[in-house]
Amino acid sequence: MERSVNELSSSSSQIQKIVAAVQYIADQTKILSLNATLKVARQENMEEASLKWKRR
């Protein structure tokens, strides 16, 4: 019985580490996605400003 509890505890600890790694990767992916979105928005603003400048 004690062995089973120790194995369960060890497995739980490993699962927690895996979950933490997955959460970290998900957070990094969100940051990369946000960064890409901001980059596109900046580019669109620059293109819009360029078109306005050319129309003058």
C-alpha atoms as a PDB file:
ATOM      1  CA  MET A   1       0.000   0.000   0.000  1.00  0.00           C
ATOM      2  CA  GLU A   2       2.759   2.434   0.933  1.00  0.00           C
ATOM      3  CA  ARG A   3       4.512   1.673  -2.352  1.00  0.00           C
ATOM      4  CA  SER A   4       1.368   2.532  -4.296  1.00  0.00           C
ATOM      5  CA  VAL A   5       1.041   5.850  -2.481  1.00  0.00           C
ATOM      6  CA  ASN A   6       4.687   6.676  -3.209  1.00  0.00           C
ATOM      7  CA  GLU A   7       4.280   5.778  -6.887  1.00  0.00           C
ATOM      8  CA  LEU A   8       1.120   7.863  -7.079  1.00  0.00           C
ATOM      9  CA  SER A   9       2.908  10.790  -5.464  1.00  0.00           C
ATOM     10  CA  SER A  10       5.793  10.460  -7.915  1.00  0.00           C
ATOM     11  CA  SER A  11       3.422  10.273 -10.879  1.00  0.00           C
ATOM     12  CA  SER A  12       1.530  13.299  -9.630  1.00  0.00           C
ATOM     13  CA  SER A  13       4.756  15.265  -9.366  1.00  0.00           C
ATOM     14  CA  GLN A  14       5.714  14.318 -12.923  1.00  0.00           C
ATOM     15  CA  ILE A  15       2.281  15.296 -14.214  1.00  0.00           C
ATOM     16  CA  GLN A  16       2.563  18.685 -12.477  1.00  0.00           C
ATOM     17  CA  LYS A  17       5.903  19.297 -14.206  1.00  0.00           C
ATOM     18  CA  ILE A  18       4.416  18.388 -17.591  1.00  0.00           C
ATOM     19  CA  VAL A  19       1.405  20.642 -17.022  1.00  0.00           C
ATOM     20  CA  ALA A  20       3.705  23.511 -16.047  1.00  0.00           C
ATOM     21  CA  ALA A  21       5.741  23.001 -19.228  1.00  0.00           C
ATOM     22  CA  VAL A  22       2.602  22.956 -21.375  1.00  0.00           C
ATOM     23  CA  GLN A  23       1.346  26.139 -19.688  1.00  0.00           C
ATOM     24  CA  TYR A  24       4.696  27.828 -20.317  1.00  0.00           C
ATOM     25  CA  ILE A  25       4.600  26.857 -23.997  1.00  0.00           C
ATOM     26  CA  ALA A  26       1.003  28.087 -24.284  1.00  0.00           C
ATOM     27  CA  ASP A  27       1.964  31.425 -22.725  1.00  0.00           C
ATOM     28  CA  GLN A  28       4.910  31.806 -25.087  1.00  0.00           C
ATOM     29  CA  THR A  29       2.647  30.996 -28.042  1.00  0.00           C
ATOM     30  CA  LYS A  30       0.187  33.680 -26.921  1.00  0.00           C
ATOM     31  CA  ILE A  31       3.024  36.199 -26.675  1.00  0.00           C
ATOM     32  CA  LEU A  32       4.270  35.305 -30.165  1.00  0.00           C
ATOM     33  CA  SER A  33       0.747  35.601 -31.547  1.00  0.00           C
ATOM     34  CA  LEU A  34       0.251  38.994 -29.939  1.00  0.00           C
ATOM     35  CA  ASN A  35       3.605  40.167 -31.236  1.00  0.00           C
ATOM     36  CA  ALA A  36       2.705  39.079 -34.780  1.00  0.00           C
ATOM     37  CA  THR A  37      -0.659  40.844 -34.532  1.00  0.00           C
ATOM     38  CA  LEU A  38       0.999  44.073 -33.396  1.00  0.00           C
ATOM     39  CA  LYS A  39       3.559  43.820 -36.170  1.00  0.00           C
ATOM     40  CA  VAL A  40       0.824  43.473 -38.804  1.00  0.00           C
ATOM     41  CA  ALA A  41      -1.113  46.393 -37.314  1.00  0.00           C
ATOM     42  CA  ARG A  42       1.993  48.585 -37.380  1.00  0.00           C
ATOM     43  CA  GLN A  43       2.676  47.638 -40.976  1.00  0.00           C
ATOM     44  CA  GLU A  44      -0.904  48.435 -41.962  1.00  0.00           C
ATOM     45  CA  ASN A  45      -0.650  51.826 -40.241  1.00  0.00           C
ATOM     46  CA  MET A  46       2.599  52.581 -42.052  1.00  0.00           C
ATOM     47  CA  GLU A  47       1.079  51.647 -45.402  1.00  0.00           C
ATOM     48  CA  GLU A  48      -1.998  53.772 -44.701  1.00  0.00           C
ATOM     49  CA  ALA A  49       0.162  56.754 -43.729  1.00  0.00           C
ATOM     50  CA  SER A  50       2.252  56.263 -46.858  1.00  0.00           C
ATOM     51  CA  LEU A  51      -0.843  56.274 -49.066  1.00  0.00           C
ATOM     52  CA  LYS A  52      -2.107  59.460 -47.408  1.00  0.00           C
ATOM     53  CA  TRP A  53       1.260  61.105 -47.943  1.00  0.00           C
ATOM     54  CA  LYS A  54       1.291  60.145 -51.637  1.00  0.00           C
ATOM     55  CA  ARG A  55      -2.201  61.576 -52.175  1.00  0.00           C
ATOM     56  CA  ARG A  56      -1.064  65.062 -51.155  1.00  0.00           C
END
